[in-house]
Amino acid sequence: MAGKTQVRKIVVAGALGALSIALSLTPLGYIPWLAGASLTVMHVPAIIGAVLEGPIVGMIVGGIFGVSALVKAATAPQGYIDPFFVNPLVSVLPRLLIGIVAWLVYRAFRGTHAAVAASVAGMAGSLANSFFVLGALVLFGAIQPAVAASVLVSNSLIEAALAAVLTLGVVAAWKGIESSTGKAKLAKEDQP
């Protein structure tokens, strides 16, 4: 049984990692927003990986997301801030933390109501991504703290709500398929 679990974790990490790369290389990862800004959903696969399979899978998928952001910044920079993403402390490390935060929050809330736990994990993982990336950009002098706070309020809260909805939808659908009923639901789990 442990072998099947490991294979499943590898498959889920690979599929969600591929999705992260696809989202980062195409416009699918960005949703147009106010004043030319965009909302991103590129961190959602890392959150889903953490909720479904635990923190290691979430970290792997987040790491894939971070490395793809680093490569994109190095090979096709699009703005004045992109050169800062060549630094793995800005592009990779914060993305590794998405899975850890999402898993910890999911684990803390799943005993009460699994749907709430998935939604709150989606929000927490998204806010962790925003907070740690913006914090690293401030730390390395790319942006001022006031700009980071403005982005956190104007974009990050909407991204967190979107991540909550997407995480809930995907996790509920996955649990429905997994339970062989085919119905979207979140049941109690015995997973760590």
Protein backbone atom coordinates (compact mmCIF):
# COMPACT_ATOMS: atom_id res chain seq x y z
CA MET A 1 0.00 0.00 0.00
CA ALA A 2 2.86 2.42 0.77
CA GLY A 3 4.23 1.86 -2.73
CA LYS A 4 0.92 2.86 -4.31
CA THR A 5 0.82 5.97 -2.15
CA GLN A 6 4.32 6.99 -3.26
CA VAL A 7 3.49 6.42 -6.92
CA ARG A 8 0.32 8.47 -6.52
CA LYS A 9 2.28 11.33 -4.91
CA ILE A 10 4.79 11.28 -7.78
CA VAL A 11 2.04 11.28 -10.40
CA VAL A 12 0.11 14.11 -8.71
CA ALA A 13 3.30 16.16 -8.27
CA GLY A 14 4.23 15.61 -11.92
CA ALA A 15 0.79 16.50 -13.26
CA LEU A 16 0.44 19.61 -11.10
CA GLY A 17 4.05 20.60 -11.82
CA ALA A 18 3.34 20.38 -15.55
CA LEU A 19 0.24 22.50 -15.02
CA SER A 20 2.35 25.08 -13.16
CA ILE A 21 4.78 25.27 -16.06
CA ALA A 22 1.95 25.60 -18.57
CA LEU A 23 0.36 28.38 -16.53
CA SER A 24 3.65 30.25 -16.28
CA LEU A 25 4.44 29.99 -20.00
CA THR A 26 1.01 30.92 -21.31
CA PRO A 27 -1.47 33.70 -20.62
CA LEU A 28 -3.67 31.14 -18.82
CA GLY A 29 -1.90 31.89 -15.54
CA TYR A 30 -2.92 35.54 -15.60
CA ILE A 31 -6.38 37.07 -15.33
CA PRO A 32 -6.56 40.73 -16.46
CA TRP A 33 -7.41 43.06 -13.60
CA LEU A 34 -7.56 46.78 -12.85
CA ALA A 35 -5.20 49.36 -14.40
CA GLY A 36 -3.29 46.83 -16.49
CA ALA A 37 -2.45 44.61 -13.51
CA SER A 38 -3.14 40.90 -13.55
CA LEU A 39 -4.33 38.37 -11.01
CA THR A 40 -2.42 35.12 -11.03
CA VAL A 41 -3.53 31.56 -10.38
CA MET A 42 -0.10 30.01 -10.94
CA HIS A 43 0.29 29.18 -7.26
CA VAL A 44 -2.97 27.19 -7.07
CA PRO A 45 -1.45 23.85 -8.27
CA ALA A 46 1.01 23.98 -5.35
CA ILE A 47 -1.88 24.55 -2.94
CA ILE A 48 -3.91 21.72 -4.43
CA GLY A 49 -0.90 19.40 -4.32
CA ALA A 50 -0.39 20.15 -0.63
CA VAL A 51 -4.07 19.64 0.23
CA LEU A 52 -4.38 16.38 -1.72
CA GLU A 53 -1.00 14.79 -1.04
CA GLY A 54 0.77 16.67 1.74
CA PRO A 55 3.52 19.24 2.20
CA ILE A 56 6.24 17.49 0.18
CA VAL A 57 4.09 17.38 -2.96
CA GLY A 58 3.08 21.01 -2.34
CA MET A 59 6.76 21.97 -2.03
CA ILE A 60 7.70 20.08 -5.20
CA VAL A 61 4.96 21.75 -7.23
CA GLY A 62 5.78 25.13 -5.67
CA GLY A 63 9.45 24.56 -6.49
CA ILE A 64 8.58 23.81 -10.11
CA PHE A 65 6.53 27.01 -10.21
CA GLY A 66 9.43 28.98 -8.68
CA VAL A 67 12.06 27.57 -11.03
CA SER A 68 9.84 28.27 -14.05
CA ALA A 69 9.44 31.88 -12.83
CA LEU A 70 13.22 32.15 -12.43
CA VAL A 71 13.87 30.78 -15.92
CA LYS A 72 11.23 33.03 -17.46
CA ALA A 73 12.70 36.08 -15.70
CA ALA A 74 16.20 35.16 -16.90
CA THR A 75 15.27 34.38 -20.51
CA ALA A 76 12.33 36.68 -21.26
CA PRO A 77 12.10 39.54 -18.77
CA GLN A 78 9.06 41.71 -19.35
CA GLY A 79 9.32 44.48 -16.78
CA TYR A 80 11.73 46.33 -14.54
CA ILE A 81 11.01 43.94 -11.66
CA ASP A 82 11.75 40.69 -13.54
CA PRO A 83 15.54 40.80 -13.00
CA PHE A 84 14.89 40.43 -9.27
CA PHE A 85 13.18 37.09 -9.95
CA VAL A 86 16.49 35.66 -11.19
CA ASN A 87 17.36 35.48 -7.48
CA PRO A 88 16.03 32.13 -6.13
CA LEU A 89 15.31 33.81 -2.78
CA VAL A 90 12.67 35.86 -4.61
CA SER A 91 11.40 33.35 -7.18
CA VAL A 92 11.85 29.89 -5.64
CA LEU A 93 11.97 30.03 -1.84
CA PRO A 94 8.60 31.79 -1.40
CA ARG A 95 6.98 29.25 -3.72
CA LEU A 96 8.34 26.35 -1.67
CA LEU A 97 6.53 27.81 1.33
CA ILE A 98 3.12 27.80 -0.41
CA GLY A 99 2.74 24.04 0.05
CA ILE A 100 3.84 24.06 3.66
CA VAL A 101 1.45 26.86 4.64
CA ALA A 102 -1.48 25.38 2.69
CA TRP A 103 -0.94 21.93 4.20
CA LEU A 104 -0.61 23.25 7.77
CA VAL A 105 -3.81 25.27 7.44
CA TYR A 106 -5.68 22.40 5.79
CA ARG A 107 -4.55 20.03 8.50
CA ALA A 108 -5.58 22.49 11.23
CA PHE A 109 -9.09 22.97 9.81
CA ARG A 110 -9.97 19.60 8.28
CA GLY A 111 -11.32 18.13 11.51
CA THR A 112 -14.12 20.69 11.59
CA HIS A 113 -15.34 20.74 7.99
CA ALA A 114 -13.32 19.53 5.00
CA ALA A 115 -14.83 22.06 2.54
CA VAL A 116 -13.95 24.95 4.83
CA ALA A 117 -10.48 23.47 5.33
CA ALA A 118 -9.86 23.32 1.56
CA SER A 119 -11.08 26.89 1.06
CA VAL A 120 -9.06 28.32 3.94
CA ALA A 121 -5.98 26.40 2.78
CA GLY A 122 -6.43 27.93 -0.67
CA MET A 123 -6.60 31.42 0.82
CA ALA A 124 -3.65 30.84 3.15
CA GLY A 125 -1.43 29.37 0.43
CA SER A 126 -2.23 32.26 -1.88
CA LEU A 127 -1.57 34.87 0.80
CA ALA A 128 1.68 33.10 1.73
CA ASN A 129 2.81 33.35 -1.90
CA SER A 130 1.98 37.06 -2.02
CA PHE A 131 3.41 37.89 1.38
CA PHE A 132 6.72 36.05 0.90
CA VAL A 133 7.30 37.22 -2.70
CA LEU A 134 6.43 40.83 -1.88
CA GLY A 135 8.51 40.63 1.28
CA ALA A 136 11.51 39.35 -0.69
CA LEU A 137 11.06 42.12 -3.27
CA VAL A 138 11.06 44.71 -0.48
CA LEU A 139 14.05 43.06 1.19
CA PHE A 140 16.10 43.17 -2.03
CA GLY A 141 15.08 46.74 -2.85
CA ALA A 142 12.89 46.05 -5.87
CA ILE A 143 9.86 47.82 -4.42
CA GLN A 144 9.04 50.06 -1.50
CA PRO A 145 7.03 48.73 1.47
CA ALA A 146 4.12 51.03 0.57
CA VAL A 147 3.97 49.50 -2.91
CA ALA A 148 4.02 46.00 -1.42
CA ALA A 149 1.18 46.91 0.92
CA SER A 150 -0.82 48.37 -1.95
CA VAL A 151 -0.37 45.23 -4.06
CA LEU A 152 -1.25 43.07 -1.07
CA VAL A 153 -4.55 44.92 -0.65
CA SER A 154 -5.45 45.46 -4.32
CA ASN A 155 -4.42 42.11 -5.84
CA SER A 156 -3.54 39.57 -3.20
CA LEU A 157 -6.87 39.50 -1.40
CA ILE A 158 -8.73 38.89 -4.68
CA GLU A 159 -6.18 36.20 -5.65
CA ALA A 160 -6.71 34.56 -2.26
CA ALA A 161 -10.48 34.45 -2.76
CA LEU A 162 -10.00 33.03 -6.26
CA ALA A 163 -7.55 30.42 -4.92
CA ALA A 164 -10.08 29.43 -2.24
CA VAL A 165 -12.77 28.80 -4.86
CA LEU A 166 -10.45 26.92 -7.23
CA THR A 167 -8.95 24.81 -4.45
CA LEU A 168 -12.37 23.90 -3.10
CA GLY A 169 -13.65 22.98 -6.57
CA VAL A 170 -10.68 20.82 -7.56
CA VAL A 171 -10.33 19.11 -4.18
CA ALA A 172 -14.08 18.40 -3.97
CA ALA A 173 -14.07 16.97 -7.49
CA TRP A 174 -10.97 14.87 -6.74
CA LYS A 175 -12.50 13.48 -3.56
CA GLY A 176 -15.69 12.65 -5.47
CA ILE A 177 -13.76 10.74 -8.12
CA GLU A 178 -11.60 9.09 -5.49
CA SER A 179 -14.67 7.90 -3.56
CA SER A 180 -15.92 6.30 -6.81
CA THR A 181 -19.30 7.99 -6.49
CA GLY A 182 -18.36 10.51 -9.14
CA LYS A 183 -20.00 13.23 -7.07
CA ALA A 184 -18.00 16.20 -5.86
CA LYS A 185 -17.66 15.98 -2.11
CA LEU A 186 -15.21 16.33 0.71
CA ALA A 187 -15.24 13.45 3.15
CA LYS A 188 -13.30 12.95 6.35
CA GLU A 189 -9.81 11.69 5.66
CA ASP A 190 -7.18 9.71 7.45
CA GLN A 191 -4.30 11.32 5.57
CA PRO A 192 -1.58 13.14 7.58
